[in-house]
Amino acid sequence: VLKNGESQYGSHPSLLRARADFFAVQGLFPEARSLYSEGLRQFPASLELHIDAALDSFFLRRDGGQAIGALESQIAKHPYSSELLNQLGQFYYYDGQLDKMEQTFRRALELDPFPNPYSGYRPFSFLGTACLEKGDYDGAVHHFKHRLEKIDRNDPHAYASLARAFHETGRPDEAKANLDMALKLDSELPLARETQACILMGEGQVDQARSILEGIVNRYPRRLEARLLLAQILMGTDPAGAKKALREGIALSKSEQAAAEVILNQSQYEFGLFSRSLISRLYKLDADLAE
């Protein structure tokens, strides 16, 4: 149908992207890449095609430098594109370049202070998550509250992240209230269940926390966040089990097949597979266990 449409109406960036997506969802990535290249040859000004090609480079070819360089080049030509800036900010996050991520998202937010929650771009969430990773819990609270108040009041990820920040700063009532809201919106959300496990660990309910995390790993085997927490629980009582969880996570982070499965399934809960900082934490904990 798409090929017929192109024959009847002529080539168009949207048609080429649709044809490329058709091949990509079937795992036919070389065919999809060929269409991205053809599209960029015919329509070099199409920002959407440049973003698609960069996504392929970053997540499937695992070439962050190529993807980041391509978008930086496009932003030099189109400095007022919030779409390009938001995508580049996400790449910086996964590549562990958090200072550049923050600068890029702030530029994007100057252009579009209230990004469409259905656009796929979530600058406040990435900024808040980076704050959590750096231990800046007040900063995390600021960003996630802003997202809930100004962008999407029904975002379970933001409530779960707020719960984690409040838990880490010793504010159990606020942690529980936000966790309850996250679970009410999505009772199986991995981030919410992981936060629940952290709270249970803090209360000494280790077996219950372990059961929750094992359930997440079974359902989302490529979710590195759950594997890391599970290993932390097991270190004292089951070091062999902790090492197994870590080694499997490290192997998955190197696997082209695992990366392709995350992309093909659009498994948003397993994109931590591409996070350099998260992968480095797996390696560090594994090294600590080996000592």
Protein backbone atom coordinates (compact mmCIF):
# COMPACT_ATOMS: atom_id res chain seq x y z
CA VAL A 1 0.00 0.00 0.00
CA LEU A 2 2.77 2.43 0.96
CA LYS A 3 4.72 1.60 -2.19
CA ASN A 4 1.61 2.16 -4.29
CA GLY A 5 1.02 5.47 -2.58
CA GLU A 6 4.54 6.55 -3.42
CA SER A 7 4.05 5.49 -7.07
CA GLN A 8 0.74 7.34 -7.31
CA TYR A 9 1.53 10.53 -5.43
CA GLY A 10 5.32 10.71 -5.63
CA SER A 11 7.94 10.47 -2.94
CA HIS A 12 7.39 12.25 0.37
CA PRO A 13 9.26 12.18 3.71
CA SER A 14 6.21 10.83 5.55
CA LEU A 15 5.80 7.98 3.07
CA LEU A 16 9.48 7.07 3.27
CA ARG A 17 9.37 7.16 7.07
CA ALA A 18 6.26 4.97 7.10
CA ARG A 19 7.93 2.45 4.80
CA ALA A 20 11.08 2.46 6.95
CA ASP A 21 9.00 1.95 10.10
CA PHE A 22 7.22 -0.96 8.39
CA PHE A 23 10.56 -2.72 7.89
CA ALA A 24 11.91 -1.76 11.32
CA VAL A 25 9.00 -3.26 13.28
CA GLN A 26 9.69 -6.55 11.51
CA GLY A 27 13.36 -6.44 12.48
CA LEU A 28 14.45 -5.70 8.91
CA PHE A 29 16.82 -2.95 9.99
CA PRO A 30 19.10 -2.88 6.89
CA GLU A 31 16.04 -2.23 4.70
CA ALA A 32 14.88 0.50 7.07
CA ARG A 33 18.33 2.12 7.06
CA SER A 34 18.38 2.07 3.29
CA LEU A 35 15.13 4.04 3.25
CA TYR A 36 16.44 6.54 5.83
CA SER A 37 19.47 7.11 3.60
CA GLU A 38 17.30 7.45 0.50
CA GLY A 39 14.99 9.82 2.33
CA LEU A 40 17.85 12.04 3.48
CA ARG A 41 19.24 12.08 -0.06
CA GLN A 42 15.89 13.21 -1.47
CA PHE A 43 14.81 15.41 1.44
CA PRO A 44 17.92 16.67 3.29
CA ALA A 45 15.84 19.32 5.09
CA SER A 46 13.53 16.74 6.76
CA LEU A 47 14.26 16.98 10.49
CA GLU A 48 12.10 13.91 11.16
CA LEU A 49 14.28 11.77 8.89
CA HIS A 50 17.44 13.07 10.54
CA ILE A 51 15.99 12.17 13.96
CA ASP A 52 14.96 8.69 12.76
CA ALA A 53 18.45 8.02 11.38
CA ALA A 54 20.03 9.25 14.63
CA LEU A 55 17.73 7.00 16.70
CA ASP A 56 18.83 4.03 14.61
CA SER A 57 22.51 4.94 15.11
CA PHE A 58 22.17 5.43 18.86
CA PHE A 59 19.98 2.54 19.93
CA LEU A 60 20.57 -0.16 17.30
CA ARG A 61 24.04 0.48 15.96
CA ARG A 62 25.08 1.52 19.49
CA ASP A 63 27.05 4.41 18.00
CA GLY A 64 26.28 7.27 20.35
CA GLY A 65 29.02 9.48 18.93
CA GLN A 66 27.57 9.26 15.42
CA ALA A 67 24.02 9.94 16.60
CA ILE A 68 24.99 12.85 18.82
CA GLY A 69 27.25 14.37 16.15
CA ALA A 70 24.49 14.13 13.54
CA LEU A 71 21.98 15.97 15.72
CA GLU A 72 24.51 18.58 16.86
CA SER A 73 25.16 19.28 13.16
CA GLN A 74 21.45 19.69 12.48
CA ILE A 75 20.98 21.95 15.49
CA ALA A 76 23.74 24.22 14.17
CA LYS A 77 21.53 24.65 11.07
CA HIS A 78 18.20 24.71 12.97
CA PRO A 79 18.93 26.27 16.39
CA TYR A 80 15.24 26.89 17.11
CA SER A 81 14.05 23.29 16.73
CA SER A 82 12.82 22.10 20.13
CA GLU A 83 12.35 18.61 18.64
CA LEU A 84 16.04 18.31 17.75
CA LEU A 85 17.09 19.73 21.12
CA ASN A 86 14.81 17.39 23.06
CA GLN A 87 16.09 14.34 21.19
CA LEU A 88 19.70 15.42 21.66
CA GLY A 89 19.04 15.92 25.38
CA GLN A 90 17.79 12.34 25.63
CA PHE A 91 20.89 11.07 23.85
CA TYR A 92 23.12 13.00 26.26
CA TYR A 93 21.24 11.44 29.17
CA TYR A 94 21.72 7.87 27.97
CA ASP A 95 25.35 8.64 27.10
CA GLY A 96 26.00 9.84 30.65
CA GLN A 97 26.71 13.46 29.66
CA LEU A 98 24.42 14.95 32.27
CA ASP A 99 25.77 18.52 32.20
CA LYS A 100 25.27 18.72 28.44
CA MET A 101 21.87 17.10 28.86
CA GLU A 102 20.79 19.80 31.29
CA GLN A 103 22.03 22.63 29.05
CA THR A 104 20.29 21.15 26.02
CA PHE A 105 16.96 20.59 27.73
CA ARG A 106 17.02 24.12 29.11
CA ARG A 107 17.49 25.45 25.57
CA ALA A 108 14.56 23.30 24.42
CA LEU A 109 12.37 24.55 27.27
CA GLU A 110 13.14 28.17 26.41
CA LEU A 111 11.61 27.44 23.00
CA ASP A 112 8.76 25.26 24.26
CA PRO A 113 8.15 25.65 28.01
CA PHE A 114 5.13 23.30 28.00
CA PRO A 115 5.99 20.32 25.77
CA ASN A 116 3.10 18.17 24.61
CA PRO A 117 2.96 15.16 26.98
CA TYR A 118 2.06 12.93 24.02
CA SER A 119 5.02 14.01 21.90
CA GLY A 120 7.38 11.45 23.42
CA TYR A 121 9.66 14.21 24.71
CA ARG A 122 9.83 14.45 28.51
CA PRO A 123 12.52 16.98 29.42
CA PHE A 124 11.36 17.47 33.01
CA SER A 125 11.37 13.71 33.60
CA PHE A 126 14.92 13.34 32.28
CA LEU A 127 16.09 16.34 34.30
CA GLY A 128 14.47 14.93 37.44
CA THR A 129 15.88 11.45 36.87
CA ALA A 130 19.36 12.89 36.42
CA CYS A 131 18.93 14.71 39.75
CA LEU A 132 17.97 11.41 41.42
CA GLU A 133 21.10 9.77 40.01
CA LYS A 134 23.28 12.60 41.33
CA GLY A 135 21.64 12.56 44.76
CA ASP A 136 20.08 16.00 44.24
CA TYR A 137 16.71 15.03 45.68
CA ASP A 138 15.43 18.60 46.06
CA GLY A 139 16.14 19.16 42.37
CA ALA A 140 14.32 15.94 41.52
CA VAL A 141 11.27 17.03 43.53
CA HIS A 142 11.27 20.38 41.72
CA HIS A 143 11.31 18.87 38.23
CA PHE A 144 8.76 16.13 38.85
CA LYS A 145 6.37 18.45 40.67
CA HIS A 146 6.60 20.86 37.76
CA ARG A 147 5.79 18.07 35.32
CA LEU A 148 2.74 17.05 37.33
CA GLU A 149 1.51 20.60 37.90
CA LYS A 150 2.17 22.04 34.43
CA ILE A 151 2.45 19.19 31.91
CA ASP A 152 0.68 15.97 32.89
CA ARG A 153 -1.07 15.56 36.22
CA ASN A 154 -1.68 11.85 35.55
CA ASP A 155 1.92 10.73 34.97
CA PRO A 156 2.58 7.67 37.17
CA HIS A 157 6.32 7.83 36.45
CA ALA A 158 6.49 11.32 37.98
CA TYR A 159 4.60 10.22 41.10
CA ALA A 160 6.84 7.15 41.50
CA SER A 161 9.96 9.28 41.08
CA LEU A 162 8.69 11.78 43.64
CA ALA A 163 8.09 8.89 46.02
CA ARG A 164 11.70 7.75 45.54
CA ALA A 165 13.02 11.27 46.21
CA PHE A 166 10.93 11.66 49.35
CA HIS A 167 11.99 8.20 50.55
CA GLU A 168 15.66 9.06 50.10
CA THR A 169 15.24 12.27 52.12
CA GLY A 170 13.42 10.61 55.02
CA ARG A 171 9.90 11.88 54.31
CA PRO A 172 7.91 8.63 54.54
CA ASP A 173 4.40 10.11 54.52
CA GLU A 174 5.01 12.03 51.29
CA ALA A 175 6.78 9.01 49.81
CA LYS A 176 3.82 6.76 50.55
CA ALA A 177 1.24 9.25 49.27
CA ASN A 178 3.02 9.62 45.92
CA LEU A 179 3.66 5.89 45.64
CA ASP A 180 -0.03 5.20 46.26
CA MET A 181 -0.92 7.64 43.48
CA ALA A 182 1.54 6.02 41.07
CA LEU A 183 0.19 2.54 41.78
CA LYS A 184 -3.38 3.78 41.47
CA LEU A 185 -2.59 5.06 37.96
CA ASP A 186 -0.56 1.98 36.98
CA SER A 187 -0.43 -0.88 39.48
CA GLU A 188 2.25 -2.76 37.52
CA LEU A 189 4.55 0.16 36.69
CA PRO A 190 8.10 -1.19 37.26
CA LEU A 191 9.42 2.14 38.58
CA ALA A 192 6.61 2.30 41.16
CA ARG A 193 7.15 -1.32 42.19
CA GLU A 194 10.91 -0.71 42.53
CA THR A 195 10.21 2.31 44.73
CA GLN A 196 7.87 0.14 46.77
CA ALA A 197 10.69 -2.39 47.16
CA CYS A 198 13.08 0.35 48.33
CA ILE A 199 10.59 1.49 50.95
CA LEU A 200 10.07 -2.11 52.12
CA MET A 201 13.83 -2.61 52.38
CA GLY A 202 14.03 0.50 54.55
CA GLU A 203 11.36 -1.03 56.80
CA GLY A 204 13.27 -4.30 57.06
CA GLN A 205 10.84 -6.28 54.90
CA VAL A 206 13.59 -7.71 52.75
CA ASP A 207 11.84 -10.89 51.60
CA GLN A 208 8.83 -8.95 50.33
CA ALA A 209 11.10 -6.46 48.54
CA ARG A 210 13.04 -9.32 46.97
CA SER A 211 9.83 -10.95 45.74
CA ILE A 212 8.72 -7.71 44.07
CA LEU A 213 12.06 -7.23 42.31
CA GLU A 214 12.24 -10.84 41.16
CA GLY A 215 8.77 -10.40 39.68
CA ILE A 216 9.90 -7.33 37.74
CA VAL A 217 13.01 -9.12 36.42
CA ASN A 218 10.92 -12.09 35.32
CA ARG A 219 8.48 -9.86 33.47
CA TYR A 220 11.02 -7.36 32.12
CA PRO A 221 14.33 -9.28 31.94
CA ARG A 222 16.10 -6.37 30.24
CA ARG A 223 15.20 -3.87 32.96
CA LEU A 224 18.60 -3.17 34.49
CA GLU A 225 17.25 -0.97 37.30
CA ALA A 226 15.44 -3.94 38.89
CA ARG A 227 18.49 -6.18 38.47
CA LEU A 228 20.68 -3.65 40.26
CA LEU A 229 18.30 -3.32 43.21
CA LEU A 230 17.86 -7.09 43.41
CA ALA A 231 21.63 -7.58 43.50
CA GLN A 232 21.92 -5.02 46.31
CA ILE A 233 19.41 -7.00 48.34
CA LEU A 234 21.12 -10.34 47.67
CA MET A 235 24.70 -9.20 48.37
CA GLY A 236 24.55 -10.04 52.06
CA THR A 237 22.58 -13.28 51.93
CA ASP A 238 23.04 -14.72 48.46
CA PRO A 239 26.18 -13.35 46.78
CA ALA A 240 25.97 -15.96 44.02
CA GLY A 241 22.43 -14.82 43.21
CA ALA A 242 23.56 -11.18 43.27
CA LYS A 243 26.41 -11.93 40.88
CA LYS A 244 24.05 -13.82 38.57
CA ALA A 245 21.65 -10.87 38.40
CA LEU A 246 24.52 -8.48 37.65
CA ARG A 247 26.31 -10.66 35.11
CA GLU A 248 23.08 -11.29 33.20
CA GLY A 249 22.42 -7.54 33.17
CA ILE A 250 25.93 -6.78 31.91
CA ALA A 251 25.57 -9.42 29.17
CA LEU A 252 22.23 -7.94 28.11
CA SER A 253 23.75 -4.45 27.93
CA LYS A 254 26.21 -5.76 25.32
CA SER A 255 23.68 -7.77 23.33
CA GLU A 256 22.61 -6.49 19.92
CA GLN A 257 19.64 -8.85 20.03
CA ALA A 258 18.48 -7.49 23.38
CA ALA A 259 18.73 -3.93 22.03
CA ALA A 260 16.74 -4.88 18.95
CA GLU A 261 14.05 -6.54 21.07
CA VAL A 262 13.65 -3.42 23.22
CA ILE A 263 13.27 -1.27 20.11
CA LEU A 264 11.00 -3.70 18.29
CA ASN A 265 8.71 -4.11 21.29
CA GLN A 266 8.88 -0.38 22.09
CA SER A 267 9.53 -1.54 25.65
CA GLN A 268 9.78 1.82 27.38
CA TYR A 269 10.44 0.09 30.71
CA GLU A 270 13.69 -1.43 29.42
CA PHE A 271 15.42 1.59 27.91
CA GLY A 272 17.80 1.58 30.87
CA LEU A 273 19.60 -0.99 28.73
CA PHE A 274 21.11 1.99 26.90
CA SER A 275 22.05 4.06 29.98
CA ARG A 276 25.80 4.36 30.37
CA SER A 277 25.57 5.47 34.01
CA LEU A 278 23.27 2.57 34.92
CA ILE A 279 25.53 0.05 33.16
CA SER A 280 28.57 1.46 34.98
CA ARG A 281 26.78 0.91 38.31
CA LEU A 282 26.27 -2.75 37.39
CA TYR A 283 29.98 -3.10 36.68
CA LYS A 284 30.92 -1.33 39.92
CA LEU A 285 28.70 -3.53 42.08
CA ASP A 286 29.99 -6.62 40.29
CA ALA A 287 33.56 -5.53 41.02
CA ASP A 288 32.67 -4.92 44.69
CA LEU A 289 31.30 -8.46 44.93
CA ALA A 290 34.51 -9.87 43.45
CA GLU A 291 36.67 -8.30 46.19
